[in-house]
PDB file of N, CA and C in Angstrom:
ATOM      1  N   UNK A   1      25.865   7.918  13.569  1.00  0.00           N
ATOM      2  CA  UNK A   1      26.464   6.892  12.741  1.00  0.00           C
ATOM      3  C   UNK A   1      25.942   5.505  13.121  1.00  0.00           C
ATOM      4  N   UNK A   2      25.749   5.290  14.427  1.00  0.00           N
ATOM      5  CA  UNK A   2      25.239   4.002  14.889  1.00  0.00           C
ATOM      6  C   UNK A   2      23.816   3.766  14.380  1.00  0.00           C
ATOM      7  N   UNK A   3      23.026   4.823  14.362  1.00  0.00           N
ATOM      8  CA  UNK A   3      21.653   4.690  13.889  1.00  0.00           C
ATOM      9  C   UNK A   3      21.632   4.315  12.410  1.00  0.00           C
ATOM     10  N   UNK A   4      22.514   4.913  11.637  1.00  0.00           N
ATOM     11  CA  UNK A   4      22.587   4.613  10.213  1.00  0.00           C
ATOM     12  C   UNK A   4      23.004   3.156  10.001  1.00  0.00           C
ATOM     13  N   UNK A   5      23.970   2.675  10.744  1.00  0.00           N
ATOM     14  CA  UNK A   5      24.411   1.280  10.651  1.00  0.00           C
ATOM     15  C   UNK A   5      23.283   0.329  11.029  1.00  0.00           C
ATOM     16  N   UNK A   6      22.548   0.670  12.061  1.00  0.00           N
ATOM     17  CA  UNK A   6      21.431  -0.172  12.491  1.00  0.00           C
ATOM     18  C   UNK A   6      20.348  -0.202  11.416  1.00  0.00           C
ATOM     19  N   UNK A   7      20.057   0.904  10.818  1.00  0.00           N
ATOM     20  CA  UNK A   7      19.032   0.968   9.767  1.00  0.00           C
ATOM     21  C   UNK A   7      19.474   0.135   8.555  1.00  0.00           C
ATOM     22  N   UNK A   8      20.734   0.245   8.188  1.00  0.00           N
ATOM     23  CA  UNK A   8      21.249  -0.528   7.050  1.00  0.00           C
ATOM     24  C   UNK A   8      21.139  -2.020   7.344  1.00  0.00           C
ATOM     25  N   UNK A   9      21.501  -2.436   8.541  1.00  0.00           N
ATOM     26  CA  UNK A   9      21.399  -3.849   8.914  1.00  0.00           C
ATOM     27  C   UNK A   9      19.952  -4.326   8.881  1.00  0.00           C
ATOM     28  N   UNK A  10      19.059  -3.488   9.377  1.00  0.00           N
ATOM     29  CA  UNK A  10      17.639  -3.851   9.392  1.00  0.00           C
ATOM     30  C   UNK A  10      17.123  -4.020   7.962  1.00  0.00           C
ATOM     31  N   UNK A  11      17.627  -3.235   7.034  1.00  0.00           N
ATOM     32  CA  UNK A  11      17.187  -3.335   5.641  1.00  0.00           C
ATOM     33  C   UNK A  11      17.855  -4.495   4.897  1.00  0.00           C
ATOM     34  N   UNK A  12      19.084  -4.824   5.271  1.00  0.00           N
ATOM     35  CA  UNK A  12      19.834  -5.868   4.562  1.00  0.00           C
ATOM     36  C   UNK A  12      19.433  -7.274   5.005  1.00  0.00           C
ATOM     37  N   UNK A  13      19.166  -7.472   6.263  1.00  0.00           N
ATOM     38  CA  UNK A  13      18.865  -8.813   6.781  1.00  0.00           C
ATOM     39  C   UNK A  13      17.690  -9.470   6.037  1.00  0.00           C
ATOM     40  N   UNK A  14      16.578  -8.784   5.816  1.00  0.00           N
ATOM     41  CA  UNK A  14      15.480  -9.443   5.079  1.00  0.00           C
ATOM     42  C   UNK A  14      15.870  -9.864   3.655  1.00  0.00           C
ATOM     43  N   UNK A  15      16.762  -9.106   3.036  1.00  0.00           N
ATOM     44  CA  UNK A  15      17.208  -9.461   1.691  1.00  0.00           C
ATOM     45  C   UNK A  15      17.953 -10.796   1.732  1.00  0.00           C
ATOM     46  N   UNK A  16      18.838 -10.983   2.696  1.00  0.00           N
ATOM     47  CA  UNK A  16      19.563 -12.243   2.835  1.00  0.00           C
ATOM     48  C   UNK A  16      18.612 -13.390   3.163  1.00  0.00           C
ATOM     49  N   UNK A  17      17.658 -13.148   4.038  1.00  0.00           N
ATOM     50  CA  UNK A  17      16.703 -14.196   4.389  1.00  0.00           C
ATOM     51  C   UNK A  17      15.842 -14.602   3.193  1.00  0.00           C
ATOM     52  N   UNK A  18      15.433 -13.635   2.410  1.00  0.00           N
ATOM     53  CA  UNK A  18      14.632 -13.940   1.221  1.00  0.00           C
ATOM     54  C   UNK A  18      15.456 -14.722   0.210  1.00  0.00           C
ATOM     55  N   UNK A  19      16.717 -14.365   0.051  1.00  0.00           N
ATOM     56  CA  UNK A  19      17.595 -15.093  -0.865  1.00  0.00           C
ATOM     57  C   UNK A  19      17.781 -16.532  -0.433  1.00  0.00           C
ATOM     58  N   UNK A  20      17.946 -16.765   0.852  1.00  0.00           N
ATOM     59  CA  UNK A  20      18.107 -18.127   1.366  1.00  0.00           C
ATOM     60  C   UNK A  20      16.825 -18.927   1.163  1.00  0.00           C
ATOM     61  N   UNK A  21      15.691 -18.305   1.361  1.00  0.00           N
ATOM     62  CA  UNK A  21      14.412 -19.002   1.168  1.00  0.00           C
ATOM     63  C   UNK A  21      14.222 -19.377  -0.297  1.00  0.00           C
ATOM     64  N   UNK A  22      14.561 -18.495  -1.211  1.00  0.00           N
ATOM     65  CA  UNK A  22      14.431 -18.802  -2.632  1.00  0.00           C
ATOM     66  C   UNK A  22      15.376 -19.913  -3.044  1.00  0.00           C
ATOM     67  N   UNK A  23      16.576 -19.925  -2.504  1.00  0.00           N
ATOM     68  CA  UNK A  23      17.540 -20.979  -2.834  1.00  0.00           C
ATOM     69  C   UNK A  23      17.031 -22.332  -2.368  1.00  0.00           C
ATOM     70  N   UNK A  24      16.405 -22.394  -1.218  1.00  0.00           N
ATOM     71  CA  UNK A  24      15.886 -23.663  -0.719  1.00  0.00           C
ATOM     72  C   UNK A  24      14.690 -24.135  -1.532  1.00  0.00           C
ATOM     73  N   UNK A  25      13.887 -23.243  -2.062  1.00  0.00           N
ATOM     74  CA  UNK A  25      12.739 -23.627  -2.875  1.00  0.00           C
ATOM     75  C   UNK A  25      13.174 -24.322  -4.154  1.00  0.00           C
ATOM     76  N   UNK A  26      14.342 -23.964  -4.691  1.00  0.00           N
ATOM     77  CA  UNK A  26      14.813 -24.540  -5.938  1.00  0.00           C
ATOM     78  C   UNK A  26      15.363 -25.947  -5.745  1.00  0.00           C
ATOM     79  N   UNK A  27      15.764 -26.308  -4.531  1.00  0.00           N
ATOM     80  CA  UNK A  27      16.303 -27.630  -4.262  1.00  0.00           C
ATOM     81  C   UNK A  27      15.179 -28.658  -4.256  1.00  0.00           C
ATOM     82  N   UNK A  28      15.541 -29.877  -4.599  1.00  0.00           N
ATOM     83  CA  UNK A  28      14.562 -30.960  -4.540  1.00  0.00           C
ATOM     84  C   UNK A  28      14.265 -31.287  -3.083  1.00  0.00           C
ATOM     85  N   UNK A  29      13.116 -31.827  -2.857  1.00  0.00           N
ATOM     86  CA  UNK A  29      12.742 -32.218  -1.503  1.00  0.00           C
ATOM     87  C   UNK A  29      13.689 -33.304  -1.012  1.00  0.00           C
ATOM     88  N   UNK A  30      14.091 -33.262   0.261  1.00  0.00           N
ATOM     89  CA  UNK A  30      14.989 -34.295   0.780  1.00  0.00           C
ATOM     90  C   UNK A  30      14.397 -35.685   0.551  1.00  0.00           C
ATOM     91  N   UNK A  31      15.228 -36.572   0.076  1.00  0.00           N
ATOM     92  CA  UNK A  31      14.781 -37.936  -0.148  1.00  0.00           C
ATOM     93  C   UNK A  31      14.132 -38.170  -1.500  1.00  0.00           C
ATOM     94  N   UNK A  32      14.007 -37.125  -2.319  1.00  0.00           N
ATOM     95  CA  UNK A  32      13.357 -37.314  -3.606  1.00  0.00           C
ATOM     96  C   UNK A  32      14.349 -37.685  -4.703  1.00  0.00           C
ATOM     97  N   UNK A  33      15.632 -37.472  -4.468  1.00  0.00           N
ATOM     98  CA  UNK A  33      16.659 -37.893  -5.415  1.00  0.00           C
ATOM     99  C   UNK A  33      17.756 -38.618  -4.659  1.00  0.00           C
ATOM    100  N   UNK A  34      18.455 -39.497  -5.353  1.00  0.00           N
ATOM    101  CA  UNK A  34      19.526 -40.248  -4.703  1.00  0.00           C
ATOM    102  C   UNK A  34      20.731 -39.344  -4.517  1.00  0.00           C
ATOM    103  N   UNK A  35      21.129 -39.156  -3.296  1.00  0.00           N
ATOM    104  CA  UNK A  35      22.261 -38.289  -2.991  1.00  0.00           C
ATOM    105  C   UNK A  35      23.458 -39.069  -2.491  1.00  0.00           C
ATOM    106  N   UNK A  36      23.217 -40.241  -1.903  1.00  0.00           N
ATOM    107  CA  UNK A  36      24.312 -41.039  -1.370  1.00  0.00           C
ATOM    108  C   UNK A  36      24.336 -42.423  -2.002  1.00  0.00           C
ATOM    109  N   UNK A  37      25.502 -43.015  -2.001  1.00  0.00           N
ATOM    110  CA  UNK A  37      25.698 -44.351  -2.550  1.00  0.00           C
ATOM    111  C   UNK A  37      25.043 -45.373  -1.619  1.00  0.00           C
ATOM    112  N   UNK A  38      24.310 -46.323  -2.190  1.00  0.00           N
ATOM    113  CA  UNK A  38      23.655 -47.329  -1.359  1.00  0.00           C
ATOM    114  C   UNK A  38      24.654 -48.340  -0.810  1.00  0.00           C
ATOM    115  N   UNK A  39      25.745 -48.568  -1.503  1.00  0.00           N
ATOM    116  CA  UNK A  39      26.724 -49.555  -1.062  1.00  0.00           C
ATOM    117  C   UNK A  39      27.645 -48.960   0.000  1.00  0.00           C
ATOM    118  N   UNK A  40      28.211 -47.798  -0.253  1.00  0.00           N
ATOM    119  CA  UNK A  40      29.012 -47.081   0.754  1.00  0.00           C
ATOM    120  C   UNK A  40      28.138 -45.942   1.264  1.00  0.00           C
ATOM    121  N   UNK A  41      27.312 -46.263   2.208  1.00  0.00           N
ATOM    122  CA  UNK A  41      26.156 -45.462   2.646  1.00  0.00           C
ATOM    123  C   UNK A  41      26.361 -43.950   2.751  1.00  0.00           C
ATOM    124  N   UNK A  42      27.459 -43.496   3.303  1.00  0.00           N
ATOM    125  CA  UNK A  42      27.600 -42.066   3.556  1.00  0.00           C
ATOM    126  C   UNK A  42      28.284 -41.306   2.427  1.00  0.00           C
ATOM    127  N   UNK A  43      28.747 -42.002   1.406  1.00  0.00           N
ATOM    128  CA  UNK A  43      29.460 -41.325   0.316  1.00  0.00           C
ATOM    129  C   UNK A  43      28.489 -40.687  -0.666  1.00  0.00           C
ATOM    130  N   UNK A  44      28.743 -39.439  -1.059  1.00  0.00           N
ATOM    131  CA  UNK A  44      27.884 -38.812  -2.068  1.00  0.00           C
ATOM    132  C   UNK A  44      28.086 -39.503  -3.425  1.00  0.00           C
ATOM    133  N   UNK A  45      27.036 -39.553  -4.211  1.00  0.00           N
ATOM    134  CA  UNK A  45      27.128 -40.200  -5.511  1.00  0.00           C
ATOM    135  C   UNK A  45      27.879 -39.321  -6.507  1.00  0.00           C
ATOM    136  N   UNK A  46      28.458 -39.980  -7.502  1.00  0.00           N
ATOM    137  CA  UNK A  46      29.080 -39.304  -8.631  1.00  0.00           C
ATOM    138  C   UNK A  46      28.089 -39.429  -9.784  1.00  0.00           C
ATOM    139  N   UNK A  47      27.558 -38.326 -10.308  1.00  0.00           N
ATOM    140  CA  UNK A  47      26.524 -38.416 -11.343  1.00  0.00           C
ATOM    141  C   UNK A  47      27.005 -39.073 -12.637  1.00  0.00           C
ATOM    142  N   UNK A  48      28.307 -39.264 -12.773  1.00  0.00           N
ATOM    143  CA  UNK A  48      28.841 -39.909 -13.975  1.00  0.00           C
ATOM    144  C   UNK A  48      28.943 -41.429 -13.823  1.00  0.00           C
ATOM    145  N   UNK A  49      28.712 -41.935 -12.606  1.00  0.00           N
ATOM    146  CA  UNK A  49      28.826 -43.373 -12.363  1.00  0.00           C
ATOM    147  C   UNK A  49      27.445 -43.900 -11.982  1.00  0.00           C
ATOM    148  N   UNK A  50      26.850 -44.667 -12.881  1.00  0.00           N
ATOM    149  CA  UNK A  50      25.488 -45.155 -12.650  1.00  0.00           C
ATOM    150  C   UNK A  50      25.242 -46.439 -13.439  1.00  0.00           C
ATOM    151  N   UNK A  51      24.142 -47.080 -13.077  1.00  0.00           N
ATOM    152  CA  UNK A  51      23.647 -48.239 -13.822  1.00  0.00           C
ATOM    153  C   UNK A  51      22.152 -48.052 -14.023  1.00  0.00           C
ATOM    154  N   UNK A  52      21.676 -48.409 -15.190  1.00  0.00           N
ATOM    155  CA  UNK A  52      20.242 -48.419 -15.448  1.00  0.00           C
ATOM    156  C   UNK A  52      19.762 -49.844 -15.247  1.00  0.00           C
ATOM    157  N   UNK A  53      18.770 -50.013 -14.375  1.00  0.00           N
ATOM    158  CA  UNK A  53      18.270 -51.354 -14.059  1.00  0.00           C
ATOM    159  C   UNK A  53      16.777 -51.292 -13.824  1.00  0.00           C
ATOM    160  N   UNK A  54      16.038 -52.118 -14.541  1.00  0.00           N
ATOM    161  CA  UNK A  54      14.578 -52.216 -14.415  1.00  0.00           C
ATOM    162  C   UNK A  54      13.890 -50.849 -14.510  1.00  0.00           C
ATOM    163  N   UNK A  55      14.399 -50.008 -15.409  1.00  0.00           N
ATOM    164  CA  UNK A  55      13.773 -48.708 -15.635  1.00  0.00           C
ATOM    165  C   UNK A  55      14.207 -47.613 -14.685  1.00  0.00           C
ATOM    166  N   UNK A  56      15.188 -47.889 -13.845  1.00  0.00           N
ATOM    167  CA  UNK A  56      15.667 -46.889 -12.890  1.00  0.00           C
ATOM    168  C   UNK A  56      17.145 -46.624 -13.112  1.00  0.00           C
ATOM    169  N   UNK A  57      17.556 -45.397 -12.838  1.00  0.00           N
ATOM    170  CA  UNK A  57      18.966 -45.026 -12.886  1.00  0.00           C
ATOM    171  C   UNK A  57      19.460 -44.981 -11.447  1.00  0.00           C
ATOM    172  N   UNK A  58      20.468 -45.804 -11.168  1.00  0.00           N
ATOM    173  CA  UNK A  58      21.014 -45.928  -9.819  1.00  0.00           C
ATOM    174  C   UNK A  58      22.446 -45.406  -9.847  1.00  0.00           C
ATOM    175  N   UNK A  59      22.743 -44.457  -8.978  1.00  0.00           N
ATOM    176  CA  UNK A  59      24.045 -43.810  -8.955  1.00  0.00           C
ATOM    177  C   UNK A  59      24.935 -44.407  -7.863  1.00  0.00           C
ATOM    178  N   UNK A  60      26.247 -44.287  -8.085  1.00  0.00           N
ATOM    179  CA  UNK A  60      27.240 -44.828  -7.150  1.00  0.00           C
ATOM    180  C   UNK A  60      28.328 -43.790  -6.912  1.00  0.00           C
ATOM    181  N   UNK A  61      29.068 -43.995  -5.839  1.00  0.00           N
ATOM    182  CA  UNK A  61      30.141 -43.058  -5.506  1.00  0.00           C
ATOM    183  C   UNK A  61      31.411 -43.354  -6.295  1.00  0.00           C
ATOM    184  N   UNK A  62      31.585 -44.621  -6.705  1.00  0.00           N
ATOM    185  CA  UNK A  62      32.811 -45.013  -7.396  1.00  0.00           C
ATOM    186  C   UNK A  62      32.555 -46.239  -8.271  1.00  0.00           C
ATOM    187  N   UNK A  63      33.523 -46.562  -9.111  1.00  0.00           N
ATOM    188  CA  UNK A  63      33.368 -47.710 -10.004  1.00  0.00           C
ATOM    189  C   UNK A  63      33.410 -49.028  -9.232  1.00  0.00           C
ATOM    190  N   UNK A  64      34.052 -49.041  -8.087  1.00  0.00           N
ATOM    191  CA  UNK A  64      34.074 -50.253  -7.250  1.00  0.00           C
ATOM    192  C   UNK A  64      32.650 -50.609  -6.791  1.00  0.00           C
ATOM    193  N   UNK A  65      31.900 -49.631  -6.347  1.00  0.00           N
ATOM    194  CA  UNK A  65      30.516 -49.878  -5.913  1.00  0.00           C
ATOM    195  C   UNK A  65      29.648 -50.302  -7.094  1.00  0.00           C
ATOM    196  N   UNK A  66      29.890 -49.702  -8.254  1.00  0.00           N
ATOM    197  CA  UNK A  66      29.161 -50.098  -9.455  1.00  0.00           C
ATOM    198  C   UNK A  66      29.432 -51.572  -9.771  1.00  0.00           C
ATOM    199  N   UNK A  67      30.688 -51.995  -9.654  1.00  0.00           N
ATOM    200  CA  UNK A  67      31.050 -53.397  -9.916  1.00  0.00           C
ATOM    201  C   UNK A  67      30.370 -54.331  -8.916  1.00  0.00           C
ATOM    202  N   UNK A  68      30.304 -53.923  -7.647  1.00  0.00           N
ATOM    203  CA  UNK A  68      29.626 -54.740  -6.630  1.00  0.00           C
ATOM    204  C   UNK A  68      28.153 -54.878  -6.988  1.00  0.00           C
ATOM    205  N   UNK A  69      27.521 -53.790  -7.382  1.00  0.00           N
ATOM    206  CA  UNK A  69      26.116 -53.827  -7.779  1.00  0.00           C
ATOM    207  C   UNK A  69      25.906 -54.782  -8.954  1.00  0.00           C
ATOM    208  N   UNK A  70      26.778 -54.712  -9.940  1.00  0.00           N
ATOM    209  CA  UNK A  70      26.614 -55.533 -11.140  1.00  0.00           C
ATOM    210  C   UNK A  70      26.792 -57.020 -10.876  1.00  0.00           C
ATOM    211  N   UNK A  71      27.466 -57.387  -9.780  1.00  0.00           N
ATOM    212  CA  UNK A  71      27.639 -58.804  -9.445  1.00  0.00           C
ATOM    213  C   UNK A  71      26.317 -59.456  -9.069  1.00  0.00           C
ATOM    214  N   UNK A  72      25.403 -58.700  -8.461  1.00  0.00           N
ATOM    215  CA  UNK A  72      24.092 -59.243  -8.071  1.00  0.00           C
ATOM    216  C   UNK A  72      23.072 -58.102  -8.069  1.00  0.00           C
ATOM    217  N   UNK A  73      22.718 -57.667  -9.262  1.00  0.00           N
ATOM    218  CA  UNK A  73      21.868 -56.492  -9.420  1.00  0.00           C
ATOM    219  C   UNK A  73      20.507 -56.646  -8.738  1.00  0.00           C
ATOM    220  N   UNK A  74      19.889 -57.789  -8.891  1.00  0.00           N
ATOM    221  CA  UNK A  74      18.557 -57.978  -8.321  1.00  0.00           C
ATOM    222  C   UNK A  74      18.587 -57.898  -6.795  1.00  0.00           C
ATOM    223  N   UNK A  75      19.594 -58.488  -6.181  1.00  0.00           N
ATOM    224  CA  UNK A  75      19.726 -58.441  -4.720  1.00  0.00           C
ATOM    225  C   UNK A  75      19.826 -56.984  -4.245  1.00  0.00           C
ATOM    226  N   UNK A  76      20.726 -56.225  -4.856  1.00  0.00           N
ATOM    227  CA  UNK A  76      20.917 -54.834  -4.442  1.00  0.00           C
ATOM    228  C   UNK A  76      19.676 -53.996  -4.740  1.00  0.00           C
ATOM    229  N   UNK A  77      19.058 -54.230  -5.883  1.00  0.00           N
ATOM    230  CA  UNK A  77      17.855 -53.489  -6.255  1.00  0.00           C
ATOM    231  C   UNK A  77      16.745 -53.719  -5.225  1.00  0.00           C
ATOM    232  N   UNK A  78      16.542 -54.971  -4.833  1.00  0.00           N
ATOM    233  CA  UNK A  78      15.512 -55.284  -3.831  1.00  0.00           C
ATOM    234  C   UNK A  78      15.845 -54.649  -2.484  1.00  0.00           C
ATOM    235  N   UNK A  79      17.119 -54.640  -2.109  1.00  0.00           N
ATOM    236  CA  UNK A  79      17.520 -53.994  -0.848  1.00  0.00           C
ATOM    237  C   UNK A  79      17.266 -52.489  -0.901  1.00  0.00           C
ATOM    238  N   UNK A  80      17.510 -51.891  -2.053  1.00  0.00           N
ATOM    239  CA  UNK A  80      17.253 -50.453  -2.202  1.00  0.00           C
ATOM    240  C   UNK A  80      15.761 -50.156  -2.076  1.00  0.00           C
ATOM    241  N   UNK A  81      14.932 -51.019  -2.649  1.00  0.00           N
ATOM    242  CA  UNK A  81      13.480 -50.840  -2.539  1.00  0.00           C
ATOM    243  C   UNK A  81      13.046 -50.967  -1.084  1.00  0.00           C
ATOM    244  N   UNK A  82      13.543 -51.991  -0.391  1.00  0.00           N
ATOM    245  CA  UNK A  82      13.189 -52.181   1.027  1.00  0.00           C
ATOM    246  C   UNK A  82      13.610 -50.983   1.869  1.00  0.00           C
ATOM    247  N   UNK A  83      14.756 -50.420   1.538  1.00  0.00           N
ATOM    248  CA  UNK A  83      15.270 -49.265   2.294  1.00  0.00           C
ATOM    249  C   UNK A  83      14.621 -47.950   1.850  1.00  0.00           C
ATOM    250  N   UNK A  84      13.724 -48.035   0.850  1.00  0.00           N
ATOM    251  CA  UNK A  84      13.050 -46.854   0.306  1.00  0.00           C
ATOM    252  C   UNK A  84      14.051 -45.810  -0.197  1.00  0.00           C
ATOM    253  N   UNK A  85      15.104 -46.310  -0.842  1.00  0.00           N
ATOM    254  CA  UNK A  85      16.117 -45.443  -1.433  1.00  0.00           C
ATOM    255  C   UNK A  85      15.497 -44.712  -2.617  1.00  0.00           C
ATOM    256  N   UNK A  86      15.657 -43.399  -2.692  1.00  0.00           N
ATOM    257  CA  UNK A  86      15.083 -42.685  -3.841  1.00  0.00           C
ATOM    258  C   UNK A  86      15.819 -43.069  -5.122  1.00  0.00           C
ATOM    259  N   UNK A  87      15.050 -43.394  -6.159  1.00  0.00           N
ATOM    260  CA  UNK A  87      15.624 -43.745  -7.458  1.00  0.00           C
ATOM    261  C   UNK A  87      14.853 -43.009  -8.536  1.00  0.00           C
ATOM    262  N   UNK A  88      15.586 -42.467  -9.484  1.00  0.00           N
ATOM    263  CA  UNK A  88      14.918 -41.775 -10.583  1.00  0.00           C
ATOM    264  C   UNK A  88      14.721 -42.728 -11.754  1.00  0.00           C
ATOM    265  N   UNK A  89      13.747 -42.433 -12.568  1.00  0.00           N
ATOM    266  CA  UNK A  89      13.499 -43.235 -13.762  1.00  0.00           C
ATOM    267  C   UNK A  89      14.671 -43.023 -14.731  1.00  0.00           C
ATOM    268  N   UNK A  90      15.065 -44.087 -15.403  1.00  0.00           N
ATOM    269  CA  UNK A  90      16.127 -43.966 -16.403  1.00  0.00           C
ATOM    270  C   UNK A  90      15.566 -43.239 -17.623  1.00  0.00           C
ATOM    271  N   UNK A  91      16.416 -42.574 -18.402  1.00  0.00           N
ATOM    272  CA  UNK A  91      15.932 -41.823 -19.558  1.00  0.00           C
ATOM    273  C   UNK A  91      15.113 -42.679 -20.528  1.00  0.00           C
ATOM    274  N   UNK A  92      15.466 -43.942 -20.697  1.00  0.00           N
ATOM    275  CA  UNK A  92      14.727 -44.812 -21.618  1.00  0.00           C
ATOM    276  C   UNK A  92      13.299 -45.025 -21.135  1.00  0.00           C
ATOM    277  N   UNK A  93      13.097 -45.122 -19.826  1.00  0.00           N
ATOM    278  CA  UNK A  93      11.762 -45.404 -19.289  1.00  0.00           C
ATOM    279  C   UNK A  93      10.891 -44.149 -19.237  1.00  0.00           C
ATOM    280  N   UNK A  94      11.478 -42.981 -19.399  1.00  0.00           N
ATOM    281  CA  UNK A  94      10.712 -41.727 -19.373  1.00  0.00           C
ATOM    282  C   UNK A  94      10.018 -41.459 -20.695  1.00  0.00           C
ATOM    283  N   UNK A  95      10.456 -42.157 -21.748  1.00  0.00           N
ATOM    284  CA  UNK A  95       9.886 -41.910 -23.086  1.00  0.00           C
ATOM    285  C   UNK A  95       8.494 -42.464 -23.203  1.00  0.00           C
TER     286      UNK A  95
END
């Protein structure tokens, strides 16, 4: 019985490893998309809260951060560029 269990484990483990490898291939490369809010650094962005500025779509974690950005968009935009924050092109600029 132990031999059968060992054989089953030996056959199952590669299947799980292959599944994990395929799942990672589908993800975007780290740093290629904006995942965190630039204003509240560690907060994940909400894809429904964003601003389009100078051809880029910039995401925020909350409407408060969006309001802060809108108070001085150019300042925040330049800081994001200096910090090499990943930004995607806005839909209008992709056309």
